[in-house]
Amino acid sequence: MTLDKTLINVFKVSKMEKKNLTQQMVKLAEEHGELAAAVLMHLGQKGTRMSKNEVRENVLEEGCDCLLMVLSILNKAGFKENEINEMTKKKLKKWKDRLGK
């Protein structure tokens, strides 16, 4: 499945979400904390009993949880796929320009 098709599916599932924007923001904060902990484990700055592969998988899992929550929040706030896509392109260009690339 391509990222475009995945995004469409994220929006379909997002429409079923019962949490309001405030509740989703709290969930995002929780997921963000879990991603931070996973990255610290990945960097060896936080102890864990997980294997390197499990730690790597955990970073990916928590990162995707954050990504899904952000996309769901934007969808719940009324933004359409094309608006998110265009703003993402604009922000990516700004980021690249800042890096001098």
C-alpha atoms as a PDB file:
ATOM      1  CA  MET A   1       0.000   0.000   0.000  1.00  0.00           C
ATOM      2  CA  THR A   2       1.376   3.438  -0.914  1.00  0.00           C
ATOM      3  CA  LEU A   3       1.546   6.335   1.514  1.00  0.00           C
ATOM      4  CA  ASP A   4      -1.286   8.069  -0.387  1.00  0.00           C
ATOM      5  CA  LYS A   5      -3.587   5.058   0.074  1.00  0.00           C
ATOM      6  CA  THR A   6      -2.535   4.771   3.699  1.00  0.00           C
ATOM      7  CA  LEU A   7      -3.423   8.433   4.249  1.00  0.00           C
ATOM      8  CA  ILE A   8      -6.881   7.879   2.766  1.00  0.00           C
ATOM      9  CA  ASN A   9      -7.375   4.930   5.103  1.00  0.00           C
ATOM     10  CA  VAL A  10      -6.155   6.990   8.087  1.00  0.00           C
ATOM     11  CA  PHE A  11      -8.832   9.577   7.338  1.00  0.00           C
ATOM     12  CA  LYS A  12     -11.525   6.905   7.008  1.00  0.00           C
ATOM     13  CA  VAL A  13     -10.617   5.401  10.372  1.00  0.00           C
ATOM     14  CA  SER A  14     -10.199   8.881  11.887  1.00  0.00           C
ATOM     15  CA  LYS A  15     -13.834   9.663  11.134  1.00  0.00           C
ATOM     16  CA  MET A  16     -14.815   6.783  13.456  1.00  0.00           C
ATOM     17  CA  GLU A  17     -12.787   8.223  16.354  1.00  0.00           C
ATOM     18  CA  LYS A  18     -15.056   9.276  19.235  1.00  0.00           C
ATOM     19  CA  LYS A  19     -12.445  11.399  21.042  1.00  0.00           C
ATOM     20  CA  ASN A  20     -12.800  15.166  20.666  1.00  0.00           C
ATOM     21  CA  LEU A  21      -9.860  17.397  19.718  1.00  0.00           C
ATOM     22  CA  THR A  22      -8.840  17.996  23.335  1.00  0.00           C
ATOM     23  CA  GLN A  23      -8.856  14.277  24.086  1.00  0.00           C
ATOM     24  CA  GLN A  24      -6.869  13.590  20.934  1.00  0.00           C
ATOM     25  CA  MET A  25      -4.293  16.224  21.917  1.00  0.00           C
ATOM     26  CA  VAL A  26      -3.882  14.526  25.298  1.00  0.00           C
ATOM     27  CA  LYS A  27      -3.443  11.192  23.494  1.00  0.00           C
ATOM     28  CA  LEU A  28      -0.833  12.776  21.205  1.00  0.00           C
ATOM     29  CA  ALA A  29       1.067  14.055  24.245  1.00  0.00           C
ATOM     30  CA  GLU A  30       1.038  10.518  25.668  1.00  0.00           C
ATOM     31  CA  GLU A  31       2.285   9.044  22.399  1.00  0.00           C
ATOM     32  CA  HIS A  32       4.949  11.747  22.133  1.00  0.00           C
ATOM     33  CA  GLY A  33       6.256  10.783  25.571  1.00  0.00           C
ATOM     34  CA  GLU A  34       6.349   7.127  24.546  1.00  0.00           C
ATOM     35  CA  LEU A  35       8.289   8.042  21.387  1.00  0.00           C
ATOM     36  CA  ALA A  36      10.757  10.082  23.431  1.00  0.00           C
ATOM     37  CA  ALA A  37      11.330   7.115  25.760  1.00  0.00           C
ATOM     38  CA  ALA A  38      11.802   4.779  22.784  1.00  0.00           C
ATOM     39  CA  VAL A  39      14.352   7.126  21.184  1.00  0.00           C
ATOM     40  CA  LEU A  40      16.251   7.374  24.475  1.00  0.00           C
ATOM     41  CA  MET A  41      16.409   3.565  24.566  1.00  0.00           C
ATOM     42  CA  HIS A  42      17.598   3.559  20.953  1.00  0.00           C
ATOM     43  CA  LEU A  43      20.386   5.995  21.887  1.00  0.00           C
ATOM     44  CA  GLY A  44      21.327   3.892  24.903  1.00  0.00           C
ATOM     45  CA  GLN A  45      20.408   6.704  27.289  1.00  0.00           C
ATOM     46  CA  LYS A  46      17.593   4.769  28.945  1.00  0.00           C
ATOM     47  CA  GLY A  47      17.867   1.234  30.223  1.00  0.00           C
ATOM     48  CA  THR A  48      15.787  -1.516  28.716  1.00  0.00           C
ATOM     49  CA  ARG A  49      15.575  -5.288  28.620  1.00  0.00           C
ATOM     50  CA  MET A  50      14.521  -5.193  24.981  1.00  0.00           C
ATOM     51  CA  SER A  51      16.810  -6.416  22.213  1.00  0.00           C
ATOM     52  CA  LYS A  52      18.162  -3.920  19.668  1.00  0.00           C
ATOM     53  CA  ASN A  53      15.567  -5.151  17.175  1.00  0.00           C
ATOM     54  CA  GLU A  54      12.760  -4.721  19.705  1.00  0.00           C
ATOM     55  CA  VAL A  55      13.965  -1.211  20.537  1.00  0.00           C
ATOM     56  CA  ARG A  56      14.131  -0.354  16.835  1.00  0.00           C
ATOM     57  CA  GLU A  57      10.610  -1.718  16.306  1.00  0.00           C
ATOM     58  CA  ASN A  58       9.407   0.270  19.329  1.00  0.00           C
ATOM     59  CA  VAL A  59      10.748   3.541  17.867  1.00  0.00           C
ATOM     60  CA  LEU A  60       8.924   2.806  14.621  1.00  0.00           C
ATOM     61  CA  GLU A  61       5.709   1.864  16.434  1.00  0.00           C
ATOM     62  CA  GLU A  62       5.652   4.943  18.656  1.00  0.00           C
ATOM     63  CA  GLY A  63       6.606   7.215  15.756  1.00  0.00           C
ATOM     64  CA  CYS A  64       3.722   5.857  13.709  1.00  0.00           C
ATOM     65  CA  ASP A  65       1.361   6.287  16.678  1.00  0.00           C
ATOM     66  CA  CYS A  66       2.337   9.974  16.778  1.00  0.00           C
ATOM     67  CA  LEU A  67       1.938  10.312  13.020  1.00  0.00           C
ATOM     68  CA  LEU A  68      -1.522   8.745  13.113  1.00  0.00           C
ATOM     69  CA  MET A  69      -2.635  10.994  15.963  1.00  0.00           C
ATOM     70  CA  VAL A  70      -1.414  14.151  14.193  1.00  0.00           C
ATOM     71  CA  LEU A  71      -3.205  13.171  10.988  1.00  0.00           C
ATOM     72  CA  SER A  72      -6.366  12.316  12.913  1.00  0.00           C
ATOM     73  CA  ILE A  73      -6.266  15.669  14.730  1.00  0.00           C
ATOM     74  CA  LEU A  74      -5.878  17.550  11.445  1.00  0.00           C
ATOM     75  CA  ASN A  75      -8.752  15.572   9.961  1.00  0.00           C
ATOM     76  CA  LYS A  76     -10.947  16.164  13.031  1.00  0.00           C
ATOM     77  CA  ALA A  77     -10.154  19.893  12.749  1.00  0.00           C
ATOM     78  CA  GLY A  78     -11.647  19.816   9.250  1.00  0.00           C
ATOM     79  CA  PHE A  79      -8.575  19.766   7.023  1.00  0.00           C
ATOM     80  CA  LYS A  80      -8.749  17.750   3.810  1.00  0.00           C
ATOM     81  CA  GLU A  81      -6.019  15.530   2.378  1.00  0.00           C
ATOM     82  CA  ASN A  82      -5.113  18.080  -0.311  1.00  0.00           C
ATOM     83  CA  GLU A  83      -4.744  20.886   2.254  1.00  0.00           C
ATOM     84  CA  ILE A  84      -2.477  18.753   4.418  1.00  0.00           C
ATOM     85  CA  ASN A  85      -0.486  17.680   1.366  1.00  0.00           C
ATOM     86  CA  GLU A  86      -0.007  21.263   0.139  1.00  0.00           C
ATOM     87  CA  MET A  87       0.990  22.573   3.571  1.00  0.00           C
ATOM     88  CA  THR A  88       3.386  19.656   4.011  1.00  0.00           C
ATOM     89  CA  LYS A  89       5.037  20.496   0.686  1.00  0.00           C
ATOM     90  CA  LYS A  90       5.297  24.161   1.709  1.00  0.00           C
ATOM     91  CA  LYS A  91       6.812  23.305   5.111  1.00  0.00           C
ATOM     92  CA  LEU A  92       9.204  20.789   3.543  1.00  0.00           C
ATOM     93  CA  LYS A  93      10.445  23.426   1.089  1.00  0.00           C
ATOM     94  CA  LYS A  94      10.955  25.887   3.948  1.00  0.00           C
ATOM     95  CA  TRP A  95      12.891  23.238   5.900  1.00  0.00           C
ATOM     96  CA  LYS A  96      15.075  22.380   2.900  1.00  0.00           C
ATOM     97  CA  ASP A  97      15.723  26.070   2.199  1.00  0.00           C
ATOM     98  CA  ARG A  98      16.764  26.622   5.811  1.00  0.00           C
ATOM     99  CA  LEU A  99      19.231  23.736   5.491  1.00  0.00           C
ATOM    100  CA  GLY A 100      20.579  25.247   2.285  1.00  0.00           C
ATOM    101  CA  LYS A 101      19.672  22.269   0.124  1.00  0.00           C
END
